[in-house]
Amino acid sequence: MTRPLSPERWAFDLTHLLNAWFGPDRFPIDIPLVARDYTAQRFPDDPIISVKGDDLPGFDGALFKAPVGRRGWGIIYNNRISSKGRINFTLAHEFGHFLMHRLAYPDGFCCGEQDVVRWDSEYGQVEHQANVFAANFLMPLDDFRRQISATDKVNLDMISHCADRYRVSLIAATLRWLSYTQRRAVLVVSRDGFILWARSSEAALKTGAFFRTSEGPIEIPATSLPNRQDLLVDGRATIDHGPGVWFREPAREMTVYAEQYDFAISLLVLDDARPFALFDAEDEADVFDKMMPPNVRREW
């Protein structure tokens, strides 16, 4: 019995094909074209035959089987979504469902915002795999590293450049950078003064810079940028905080307020040096295993 391909392997194989067809500097990817042409050749009896926008209240995207009497599948994205980056990631997410999950789920999928945005491996294995595929497919790691190296000190312009290059959201580009950077950094998505979810780089996680959002609501600092929108220019700002604001050490906060989604995206960057231990080694290992399993971390 043939072992199913992993999300990374699907993305890796497609990346090599696209590099051969269009060259390495071929971004952003035309997902509708690739999805239709590739599946017509690879799965001629069961291809993707339609990729289009439609009214999908409560959902970002869907993968559905063609009506009885017709062969193939269709991908639909919510045409009320204004962000091209969010649409693009949704299309890649549904393409991933087709490649990996259509046989086990013959009725298809309807995916909400949380399914496409959250990259938590515990949120749902199937949705996580679709997101891992989308990230690797849209933002190949070798090309992303050429834009921002693992040791670069980032700013919002650098990450925005990558978001534009791959036609993904700022959140998706930031998560991709966090997956390989050697810098200590934490992404925080907040609304109405509370953290919705957060993600730490490996270096930050190992030094205790993370938020346990699974244990209940966490209030953001009163002086953080999402609470000081008077400081935002064109919806964004950068500020250097002293110890005792976000963490017990200084942190640079770079925030973008996404008005259309009513949440703030804050990237917290810490110094490289570890100034103190926040918990003992045994506790650190336990938290690291739970929050960033090595086999999951390397998938992004």
C-alpha atoms as a PDB file:
ATOM      1  CA  MET A   1       0.000   0.000   0.000  1.00  0.00           C
ATOM      2  CA  THR A   2       1.366   3.376  -1.020  1.00  0.00           C
ATOM      3  CA  ARG A   3       1.972   5.716   1.892  1.00  0.00           C
ATOM      4  CA  PRO A   4       0.119   9.043   1.542  1.00  0.00           C
ATOM      5  CA  LEU A   5       2.314  12.031   0.788  1.00  0.00           C
ATOM      6  CA  SER A   6       2.844  14.536   3.579  1.00  0.00           C
ATOM      7  CA  PRO A   7       1.765  18.188   3.153  1.00  0.00           C
ATOM      8  CA  GLU A   8       5.408  19.182   2.793  1.00  0.00           C
ATOM      9  CA  ARG A   9       6.059  16.560   0.124  1.00  0.00           C
ATOM     10  CA  TRP A  10       3.042  17.659  -1.932  1.00  0.00           C
ATOM     11  CA  ALA A  11       4.253  21.261  -1.736  1.00  0.00           C
ATOM     12  CA  PHE A  12       7.862  20.265  -2.475  1.00  0.00           C
ATOM     13  CA  ASP A  13       6.886  18.309  -5.610  1.00  0.00           C
ATOM     14  CA  LEU A  14       4.695  21.140  -6.891  1.00  0.00           C
ATOM     15  CA  THR A  15       7.432  23.683  -6.202  1.00  0.00           C
ATOM     16  CA  HIS A  16       9.879  21.732  -8.363  1.00  0.00           C
ATOM     17  CA  LEU A  17       7.323  21.493 -11.160  1.00  0.00           C
ATOM     18  CA  LEU A  18       6.591  25.223 -11.034  1.00  0.00           C
ATOM     19  CA  ASN A  19      10.290  26.057 -10.949  1.00  0.00           C
ATOM     20  CA  ALA A  20      10.768  23.926 -14.066  1.00  0.00           C
ATOM     21  CA  TRP A  21       7.765  25.467 -15.836  1.00  0.00           C
ATOM     22  CA  PHE A  22       8.130  29.133 -14.885  1.00  0.00           C
ATOM     23  CA  GLY A  23      11.553  29.556 -13.258  1.00  0.00           C
ATOM     24  CA  PRO A  24      12.319  30.222  -9.599  1.00  0.00           C
ATOM     25  CA  ASP A  25      11.251  33.880  -9.667  1.00  0.00           C
ATOM     26  CA  ARG A  26       7.613  33.074 -10.426  1.00  0.00           C
ATOM     27  CA  PHE A  27       5.635  34.597  -7.594  1.00  0.00           C
ATOM     28  CA  PRO A  28       2.829  35.012  -6.734  1.00  0.00           C
ATOM     29  CA  ILE A  29       1.390  31.658  -7.765  1.00  0.00           C
ATOM     30  CA  ASP A  30      -1.713  31.601  -9.963  1.00  0.00           C
ATOM     31  CA  ILE A  31      -3.517  28.980  -7.883  1.00  0.00           C
ATOM     32  CA  PRO A  32      -6.648  28.538 -10.058  1.00  0.00           C
ATOM     33  CA  LEU A  33      -4.449  27.905 -13.113  1.00  0.00           C
ATOM     34  CA  VAL A  34      -2.118  25.508 -11.293  1.00  0.00           C
ATOM     35  CA  ALA A  35      -4.955  23.650  -9.563  1.00  0.00           C
ATOM     36  CA  ARG A  36      -6.867  23.057 -12.792  1.00  0.00           C
ATOM     37  CA  ASP A  37      -3.870  22.200 -15.006  1.00  0.00           C
ATOM     38  CA  TYR A  38      -2.032  20.042 -12.486  1.00  0.00           C
ATOM     39  CA  THR A  39      -5.049  17.984 -11.443  1.00  0.00           C
ATOM     40  CA  ALA A  40      -6.146  17.537 -15.068  1.00  0.00           C
ATOM     41  CA  GLN A  41      -2.793  15.836 -15.719  1.00  0.00           C
ATOM     42  CA  ARG A  42      -2.319  14.038 -12.391  1.00  0.00           C
ATOM     43  CA  PHE A  43      -5.957  13.018 -11.788  1.00  0.00           C
ATOM     44  CA  PRO A  44      -7.643  13.099 -15.218  1.00  0.00           C
ATOM     45  CA  ASP A  45     -10.668  11.159 -13.966  1.00  0.00           C
ATOM     46  CA  ASP A  46     -11.198  13.367 -10.914  1.00  0.00           C
ATOM     47  CA  PRO A  47      -9.692  16.850 -11.477  1.00  0.00           C
ATOM     48  CA  ILE A  48     -10.481  20.289 -10.132  1.00  0.00           C
ATOM     49  CA  ILE A  49     -12.725  21.781 -12.793  1.00  0.00           C
ATOM     50  CA  SER A  50     -13.805  25.047 -11.193  1.00  0.00           C
ATOM     51  CA  VAL A  51     -12.264  27.734  -8.953  1.00  0.00           C
ATOM     52  CA  LYS A  52     -14.510  30.721  -8.292  1.00  0.00           C
ATOM     53  CA  GLY A  53     -15.866  33.167  -5.748  1.00  0.00           C
ATOM     54  CA  ASP A  54     -19.378  32.975  -4.323  1.00  0.00           C
ATOM     55  CA  ASP A  55     -21.469  33.963  -1.321  1.00  0.00           C
ATOM     56  CA  LEU A  56     -20.305  31.795   1.592  1.00  0.00           C
ATOM     57  CA  PRO A  57     -21.728  33.278   4.808  1.00  0.00           C
ATOM     58  CA  GLY A  58     -19.621  32.159   7.770  1.00  0.00           C
ATOM     59  CA  PHE A  59     -16.955  30.462   5.666  1.00  0.00           C
ATOM     60  CA  ASP A  60     -13.736  31.493   3.941  1.00  0.00           C
ATOM     61  CA  GLY A  61     -13.648  28.652   1.421  1.00  0.00           C
ATOM     62  CA  ALA A  62     -14.996  25.276   0.417  1.00  0.00           C
ATOM     63  CA  LEU A  63     -14.057  22.176  -1.577  1.00  0.00           C
ATOM     64  CA  PHE A  64     -17.049  20.421  -3.085  1.00  0.00           C
ATOM     65  CA  LYS A  65     -17.753  17.445  -5.331  1.00  0.00           C
ATOM     66  CA  ALA A  66     -19.269  18.140  -8.737  1.00  0.00           C
ATOM     67  CA  PRO A  67     -23.028  17.458  -9.057  1.00  0.00           C
ATOM     68  CA  VAL A  68     -24.202  13.956  -9.875  1.00  0.00           C
ATOM     69  CA  GLY A  69     -23.483  13.167 -13.508  1.00  0.00           C
ATOM     70  CA  ARG A  70     -20.347  15.312 -13.664  1.00  0.00           C
ATOM     71  CA  ARG A  71     -16.796  14.424 -12.702  1.00  0.00           C
ATOM     72  CA  GLY A  72     -14.371  16.444 -10.696  1.00  0.00           C
ATOM     73  CA  TRP A  73     -14.292  18.992  -7.891  1.00  0.00           C
ATOM     74  CA  GLY A  74     -14.717  22.693  -7.356  1.00  0.00           C
ATOM     75  CA  ILE A  75     -13.080  25.230  -5.041  1.00  0.00           C
ATOM     76  CA  ILE A  76     -15.092  28.227  -3.854  1.00  0.00           C
ATOM     77  CA  TYR A  77     -13.858  31.207  -1.877  1.00  0.00           C
ATOM     78  CA  ASN A  78     -16.001  33.768  -0.100  1.00  0.00           C
ATOM     79  CA  ASN A  79     -16.217  36.701  -2.516  1.00  0.00           C
ATOM     80  CA  ARG A  80     -16.961  39.052   0.378  1.00  0.00           C
ATOM     81  CA  ILE A  81     -13.346  38.745   1.507  1.00  0.00           C
ATOM     82  CA  SER A  82     -11.518  41.913   0.511  1.00  0.00           C
ATOM     83  CA  SER A  83      -7.962  40.730   1.249  1.00  0.00           C
ATOM     84  CA  LYS A  84      -6.291  39.169  -1.802  1.00  0.00           C
ATOM     85  CA  GLY A  85      -3.766  37.526   0.512  1.00  0.00           C
ATOM     86  CA  ARG A  86      -6.471  35.864   2.557  1.00  0.00           C
ATOM     87  CA  ILE A  87      -8.219  34.661  -0.604  1.00  0.00           C
ATOM     88  CA  ASN A  88      -4.975  33.248  -1.972  1.00  0.00           C
ATOM     89  CA  PHE A  89      -4.216  31.334   1.225  1.00  0.00           C
ATOM     90  CA  THR A  90      -7.796  30.031   1.293  1.00  0.00           C
ATOM     91  CA  LEU A  91      -7.461  28.732  -2.279  1.00  0.00           C
ATOM     92  CA  ALA A  92      -4.194  26.989  -1.425  1.00  0.00           C
ATOM     93  CA  HIS A  93      -5.767  25.567   1.743  1.00  0.00           C
ATOM     94  CA  GLU A  94      -8.660  24.047  -0.242  1.00  0.00           C
ATOM     95  CA  PHE A  95      -6.228  22.780  -2.893  1.00  0.00           C
ATOM     96  CA  GLY A  96      -4.418  21.004  -0.065  1.00  0.00           C
ATOM     97  CA  HIS A  97      -7.675  19.396   1.042  1.00  0.00           C
ATOM     98  CA  PHE A  98      -8.176  18.126  -2.498  1.00  0.00           C
ATOM     99  CA  LEU A  99      -4.709  16.597  -2.741  1.00  0.00           C
ATOM    100  CA  MET A 100      -4.678  14.989   0.703  1.00  0.00           C
ATOM    101  CA  HIS A 101      -8.209  14.498   1.983  1.00  0.00           C
ATOM    102  CA  ARG A 102     -10.807  14.193  -0.782  1.00  0.00           C
ATOM    103  CA  LEU A 103     -10.877  10.381  -0.715  1.00  0.00           C
ATOM    104  CA  ALA A 104     -11.474  10.243   3.030  1.00  0.00           C
ATOM    105  CA  TYR A 105     -13.981  13.117   2.905  1.00  0.00           C
ATOM    106  CA  PRO A 106     -15.993  12.577  -0.295  1.00  0.00           C
ATOM    107  CA  ASP A 107     -18.511  15.271   0.672  1.00  0.00           C
ATOM    108  CA  GLY A 108     -15.780  17.912   0.720  1.00  0.00           C
ATOM    109  CA  PHE A 109     -15.102  20.724   3.179  1.00  0.00           C
ATOM    110  CA  CYS A 110     -16.421  24.092   4.300  1.00  0.00           C
ATOM    111  CA  CYS A 111     -13.683  26.017   6.093  1.00  0.00           C
ATOM    112  CA  GLY A 112     -14.204  29.002   8.376  1.00  0.00           C
ATOM    113  CA  GLU A 113     -11.767  31.769   9.232  1.00  0.00           C
ATOM    114  CA  GLN A 114     -10.276  29.865  12.174  1.00  0.00           C
ATOM    115  CA  ASP A 115      -9.609  26.829   9.961  1.00  0.00           C
ATOM    116  CA  VAL A 116      -7.513  28.894   7.577  1.00  0.00           C
ATOM    117  CA  VAL A 117      -5.887  31.249  10.087  1.00  0.00           C
ATOM    118  CA  ARG A 118      -4.893  28.996  12.990  1.00  0.00           C
ATOM    119  CA  TRP A 119      -1.771  26.931  12.429  1.00  0.00           C
ATOM    120  CA  ASP A 120      -2.028  25.114  15.750  1.00  0.00           C
ATOM    121  CA  SER A 121      -1.422  21.397  15.248  1.00  0.00           C
ATOM    122  CA  GLU A 122      -3.912  20.624  18.027  1.00  0.00           C
ATOM    123  CA  TYR A 123      -6.706  22.642  16.392  1.00  0.00           C
ATOM    124  CA  GLY A 124      -7.498  19.842  13.988  1.00  0.00           C
ATOM    125  CA  GLN A 125      -5.122  17.552  12.143  1.00  0.00           C
ATOM    126  CA  VAL A 126      -6.870  17.828   8.774  1.00  0.00           C
ATOM    127  CA  GLU A 127      -7.090  21.619   8.880  1.00  0.00           C
ATOM    128  CA  HIS A 128      -3.538  21.852  10.158  1.00  0.00           C
ATOM    129  CA  GLN A 129      -2.293  19.723   7.240  1.00  0.00           C
ATOM    130  CA  ALA A 130      -4.105  21.939   4.736  1.00  0.00           C
ATOM    131  CA  ASN A 131      -2.485  25.023   6.282  1.00  0.00           C
ATOM    132  CA  VAL A 132       0.962  23.406   6.289  1.00  0.00           C
ATOM    133  CA  PHE A 133       0.556  22.588   2.607  1.00  0.00           C
ATOM    134  CA  ALA A 134      -0.617  26.126   1.798  1.00  0.00           C
ATOM    135  CA  ALA A 135       2.308  27.727   3.633  1.00  0.00           C
ATOM    136  CA  ASN A 136       4.916  25.522   1.967  1.00  0.00           C
ATOM    137  CA  PHE A 137       3.289  25.812  -1.458  1.00  0.00           C
ATOM    138  CA  LEU A 138       2.795  29.588  -1.482  1.00  0.00           C
ATOM    139  CA  MET A 139       5.984  30.504   0.408  1.00  0.00           C
ATOM    140  CA  PRO A 140       8.739  27.958  -0.349  1.00  0.00           C
ATOM    141  CA  LEU A 141      11.260  28.106   2.458  1.00  0.00           C
ATOM    142  CA  ASP A 142      14.320  28.480   0.233  1.00  0.00           C
ATOM    143  CA  ASP A 143      12.837  31.533  -1.491  1.00  0.00           C
ATOM    144  CA  PHE A 144      11.561  33.022   1.774  1.00  0.00           C
ATOM    145  CA  ARG A 145      15.024  32.685   3.315  1.00  0.00           C
ATOM    146  CA  ARG A 146      16.436  34.646   0.370  1.00  0.00           C
ATOM    147  CA  GLN A 147      14.101  37.492   1.267  1.00  0.00           C
ATOM    148  CA  ILE A 148      14.754  37.351   5.031  1.00  0.00           C
ATOM    149  CA  SER A 149      17.590  35.272   6.460  1.00  0.00           C
ATOM    150  CA  ALA A 150      17.260  33.371   9.721  1.00  0.00           C
ATOM    151  CA  THR A 151      19.402  35.951  11.533  1.00  0.00           C
ATOM    152  CA  ASP A 152      17.971  39.174  10.065  1.00  0.00           C
ATOM    153  CA  LYS A 153      16.429  41.746  12.367  1.00  0.00           C
ATOM    154  CA  VAL A 154      13.009  42.243  10.820  1.00  0.00           C
ATOM    155  CA  ASN A 155      10.704  45.193  10.519  1.00  0.00           C
ATOM    156  CA  LEU A 156       7.178  45.514   9.175  1.00  0.00           C
ATOM    157  CA  ASP A 157       8.392  46.579   5.731  1.00  0.00           C
ATOM    158  CA  MET A 158      10.434  43.380   5.323  1.00  0.00           C
ATOM    159  CA  ILE A 159       7.538  41.128   6.244  1.00  0.00           C
ATOM    160  CA  SER A 160       5.113  43.207   4.163  1.00  0.00           C
ATOM    161  CA  HIS A 161       7.432  42.711   1.174  1.00  0.00           C
ATOM    162  CA  CYS A 162       7.129  38.935   1.595  1.00  0.00           C
ATOM    163  CA  ALA A 163       3.352  39.159   2.015  1.00  0.00           C
ATOM    164  CA  ASP A 164       3.178  41.068  -1.288  1.00  0.00           C
ATOM    165  CA  ARG A 165       5.631  38.743  -3.037  1.00  0.00           C
ATOM    166  CA  TYR A 166       3.618  35.614  -2.238  1.00  0.00           C
ATOM    167  CA  ARG A 167       0.210  37.354  -2.152  1.00  0.00           C
ATOM    168  CA  VAL A 168      -0.549  36.198   1.365  1.00  0.00           C
ATOM    169  CA  SER A 169      -1.704  38.007   4.488  1.00  0.00           C
ATOM    170  CA  LEU A 170       0.690  39.682   6.885  1.00  0.00           C
ATOM    171  CA  ILE A 171      -0.203  37.014   9.456  1.00  0.00           C
ATOM    172  CA  ALA A 172       0.703  34.172   7.085  1.00  0.00           C
ATOM    173  CA  ALA A 173       4.021  35.799   6.142  1.00  0.00           C
ATOM    174  CA  THR A 174       4.863  36.434   9.801  1.00  0.00           C
ATOM    175  CA  LEU A 175       4.070  32.849  10.777  1.00  0.00           C
ATOM    176  CA  ARG A 176       6.307  31.603   7.993  1.00  0.00           C
ATOM    177  CA  TRP A 177       9.175  33.779   9.239  1.00  0.00           C
ATOM    178  CA  LEU A 178       8.626  32.645  12.829  1.00  0.00           C
ATOM    179  CA  SER A 179       8.933  29.017  11.745  1.00  0.00           C
ATOM    180  CA  TYR A 180      12.645  29.314  10.904  1.00  0.00           C
ATOM    181  CA  THR A 181      14.062  32.503  12.397  1.00  0.00           C
ATOM    182  CA  GLN A 182      16.765  32.329  15.023  1.00  0.00           C
ATOM    183  CA  ARG A 183      15.445  35.545  16.547  1.00  0.00           C
ATOM    184  CA  ARG A 184      13.309  35.664  19.662  1.00  0.00           C
ATOM    185  CA  ALA A 185       9.914  36.909  18.513  1.00  0.00           C
ATOM    186  CA  VAL A 186       6.231  36.457  19.357  1.00  0.00           C
ATOM    187  CA  LEU A 187       3.202  37.114  17.164  1.00  0.00           C
ATOM    188  CA  VAL A 188       0.103  38.274  19.068  1.00  0.00           C
ATOM    189  CA  VAL A 189      -3.343  38.667  17.485  1.00  0.00           C
ATOM    190  CA  SER A 190      -5.678  40.626  19.761  1.00  0.00           C
ATOM    191  CA  ARG A 191      -9.154  42.113  19.846  1.00  0.00           C
ATOM    192  CA  ASP A 192     -10.916  44.337  22.386  1.00  0.00           C
ATOM    193  CA  GLY A 193      -7.932  44.282  24.714  1.00  0.00           C
ATOM    194  CA  PHE A 194      -7.457  40.506  24.852  1.00  0.00           C
ATOM    195  CA  ILE A 195      -5.220  38.031  23.030  1.00  0.00           C
ATOM    196  CA  LEU A 196      -7.100  35.880  20.507  1.00  0.00           C
ATOM    197  CA  TRP A 197      -4.079  33.660  19.868  1.00  0.00           C
ATOM    198  CA  ALA A 198      -0.304  33.895  19.833  1.00  0.00           C
ATOM    199  CA  ARG A 199       2.682  32.134  18.276  1.00  0.00           C
ATOM    200  CA  SER A 200       6.324  32.191  19.374  1.00  0.00           C
ATOM    201  CA  SER A 201       9.497  31.443  17.452  1.00  0.00           C
ATOM    202  CA  GLU A 202      11.461  28.446  18.704  1.00  0.00           C
ATOM    203  CA  ALA A 203      14.110  30.691  20.241  1.00  0.00           C
ATOM    204  CA  ALA A 204      11.463  32.728  22.082  1.00  0.00           C
ATOM    205  CA  LEU A 205       9.574  29.651  23.233  1.00  0.00           C
ATOM    206  CA  LYS A 206      12.688  28.066  24.685  1.00  0.00           C
ATOM    207  CA  THR A 207      13.323  31.182  26.779  1.00  0.00           C
ATOM    208  CA  GLY A 208       9.812  31.441  28.156  1.00  0.00           C
ATOM    209  CA  ALA A 209       8.485  34.141  25.835  1.00  0.00           C
ATOM    210  CA  PHE A 210       5.020  32.820  25.046  1.00  0.00           C
ATOM    211  CA  PHE A 211       1.385  33.194  26.123  1.00  0.00           C
ATOM    212  CA  ARG A 212      -0.729  30.291  27.418  1.00  0.00           C
ATOM    213  CA  THR A 213      -3.933  31.307  25.640  1.00  0.00           C
ATOM    214  CA  SER A 214      -5.402  27.818  26.086  1.00  0.00           C
ATOM    215  CA  GLU A 215      -5.735  28.495  29.803  1.00  0.00           C
ATOM    216  CA  GLY A 216      -8.106  31.434  29.438  1.00  0.00           C
ATOM    217  CA  PRO A 217      -8.297  35.063  28.268  1.00  0.00           C
ATOM    218  CA  ILE A 218      -5.092  37.098  28.557  1.00  0.00           C
ATOM    219  CA  GLU A 219      -5.356  40.873  28.679  1.00  0.00           C
ATOM    220  CA  ILE A 220      -2.849  42.847  26.625  1.00  0.00           C
ATOM    221  CA  PRO A 221      -0.828  45.597  28.372  1.00  0.00           C
ATOM    222  CA  ALA A 222      -2.538  48.962  28.808  1.00  0.00           C
ATOM    223  CA  THR A 223       0.368  50.723  27.077  1.00  0.00           C
ATOM    224  CA  SER A 224       0.592  48.325  24.135  1.00  0.00           C
ATOM    225  CA  LEU A 225      -0.100  49.724  20.673  1.00  0.00           C
ATOM    226  CA  PRO A 226      -3.522  48.065  20.164  1.00  0.00           C
ATOM    227  CA  ASN A 227      -4.643  50.086  23.213  1.00  0.00           C
ATOM    228  CA  ARG A 228      -2.954  53.255  21.916  1.00  0.00           C
ATOM    229  CA  GLN A 229      -4.474  53.643  18.480  1.00  0.00           C
ATOM    230  CA  ASP A 230      -3.710  57.364  18.654  1.00  0.00           C
ATOM    231  CA  LEU A 231      -0.097  56.366  17.980  1.00  0.00           C
ATOM    232  CA  LEU A 232      -0.920  54.430  14.809  1.00  0.00           C
ATOM    233  CA  VAL A 233      -0.139  56.080  11.469  1.00  0.00           C
ATOM    234  CA  ASP A 234      -1.986  54.487   8.540  1.00  0.00           C
ATOM    235  CA  GLY A 235      -2.933  51.683  10.896  1.00  0.00           C
ATOM    236  CA  ARG A 236       0.597  50.766  11.986  1.00  0.00           C
ATOM    237  CA  ALA A 237       3.312  51.786  14.431  1.00  0.00           C
ATOM    238  CA  THR A 238       6.478  50.601  16.182  1.00  0.00           C
ATOM    239  CA  ILE A 239       7.412  51.260  19.797  1.00  0.00           C
ATOM    240  CA  ASP A 240      10.153  50.127  22.187  1.00  0.00           C
ATOM    241  CA  HIS A 241       8.828  48.991  25.565  1.00  0.00           C
ATOM    242  CA  GLY A 242      10.858  48.717  28.729  1.00  0.00           C
ATOM    243  CA  PRO A 243      10.734  45.741  31.118  1.00  0.00           C
ATOM    244  CA  GLY A 244       7.385  44.873  32.661  1.00  0.00           C
ATOM    245  CA  VAL A 245       5.112  45.695  29.728  1.00  0.00           C
ATOM    246  CA  TRP A 246       4.791  42.598  27.548  1.00  0.00           C
ATOM    247  CA  PHE A 247       7.508  40.631  29.351  1.00  0.00           C
ATOM    248  CA  ARG A 248       9.922  41.080  32.239  1.00  0.00           C
ATOM    249  CA  GLU A 249      12.436  42.362  29.692  1.00  0.00           C
ATOM    250  CA  PRO A 250      12.398  45.050  26.978  1.00  0.00           C
ATOM    251  CA  ALA A 251      10.512  44.315  23.779  1.00  0.00           C
ATOM    252  CA  ARG A 252      10.054  46.085  20.457  1.00  0.00           C
ATOM    253  CA  GLU A 253       6.403  46.015  19.419  1.00  0.00           C
ATOM    254  CA  MET A 254       5.404  46.389  15.765  1.00  0.00           C
ATOM    255  CA  THR A 255       1.638  46.558  15.329  1.00  0.00           C
ATOM    256  CA  VAL A 256      -0.763  46.677  12.399  1.00  0.00           C
ATOM    257  CA  TYR A 257      -4.462  47.231  13.026  1.00  0.00           C
ATOM    258  CA  ALA A 258      -6.622  45.323  10.526  1.00  0.00           C
ATOM    259  CA  GLU A 259      -9.756  47.448  10.615  1.00  0.00           C
ATOM    260  CA  GLN A 260     -11.728  45.239   8.238  1.00  0.00           C
ATOM    261  CA  TYR A 261     -11.313  42.278  10.608  1.00  0.00           C
ATOM    262  CA  ASP A 262     -11.351  44.298  13.846  1.00  0.00           C
ATOM    263  CA  PHE A 263      -8.166  42.817  15.268  1.00  0.00           C
ATOM    264  CA  ALA A 264      -4.584  43.937  15.816  1.00  0.00           C
ATOM    265  CA  ILE A 265      -1.465  42.070  14.715  1.00  0.00           C
ATOM    266  CA  SER A 266       1.502  42.707  17.017  1.00  0.00           C
ATOM    267  CA  LEU A 267       4.982  41.325  16.439  1.00  0.00           C
ATOM    268  CA  LEU A 268       7.088  41.425  19.597  1.00  0.00           C
ATOM    269  CA  VAL A 269      10.847  41.184  19.046  1.00  0.00           C
ATOM    270  CA  LEU A 270      13.189  40.529  21.976  1.00  0.00           C
ATOM    271  CA  ASP A 271      16.946  40.821  22.387  1.00  0.00           C
ATOM    272  CA  ASP A 272      19.021  37.787  21.484  1.00  0.00           C
ATOM    273  CA  ALA A 273      20.585  37.417  24.929  1.00  0.00           C
ATOM    274  CA  ARG A 274      18.660  35.482  27.530  1.00  0.00           C
ATOM    275  CA  PRO A 275      18.644  37.730  30.621  1.00  0.00           C
ATOM    276  CA  PHE A 276      17.018  35.333  33.059  1.00  0.00           C
ATOM    277  CA  ALA A 277      15.313  31.951  33.392  1.00  0.00           C
ATOM    278  CA  LEU A 278      11.534  32.108  33.645  1.00  0.00           C
ATOM    279  CA  PHE A 279      11.112  28.499  34.713  1.00  0.00           C
ATOM    280  CA  ASP A 280      13.261  25.496  35.377  1.00  0.00           C
ATOM    281  CA  ALA A 281      14.633  23.203  32.690  1.00  0.00           C
ATOM    282  CA  GLU A 282      12.097  20.430  33.307  1.00  0.00           C
ATOM    283  CA  ASP A 283       9.144  22.825  32.960  1.00  0.00           C
ATOM    284  CA  GLU A 284      10.734  24.382  29.870  1.00  0.00           C
ATOM    285  CA  ALA A 285      11.059  21.039  28.118  1.00  0.00           C
ATOM    286  CA  ASP A 286       7.445  20.147  28.946  1.00  0.00           C
ATOM    287  CA  VAL A 287       6.091  23.422  27.568  1.00  0.00           C
ATOM    288  CA  PHE A 288       8.253  23.190  24.458  1.00  0.00           C
ATOM    289  CA  ASP A 289       7.040  19.648  23.722  1.00  0.00           C
ATOM    290  CA  LYS A 290       3.408  20.682  24.063  1.00  0.00           C
ATOM    291  CA  MET A 291       3.518  23.965  22.198  1.00  0.00           C
ATOM    292  CA  MET A 292       6.035  23.330  19.420  1.00  0.00           C
ATOM    293  CA  PRO A 293       6.548  19.631  18.620  1.00  0.00           C
ATOM    294  CA  PRO A 294       9.704  19.301  16.457  1.00  0.00           C
ATOM    295  CA  ASN A 295       7.927  17.256  13.772  1.00  0.00           C
ATOM    296  CA  VAL A 296       5.246  19.952  13.487  1.00  0.00           C
ATOM    297  CA  ARG A 297       7.637  22.908  13.657  1.00  0.00           C
ATOM    298  CA  ARG A 298       9.683  21.660  10.717  1.00  0.00           C
ATOM    299  CA  GLU A 299       6.561  21.306   8.574  1.00  0.00           C
ATOM    300  CA  TRP A 300       6.155  25.043   8.225  1.00  0.00           C
END
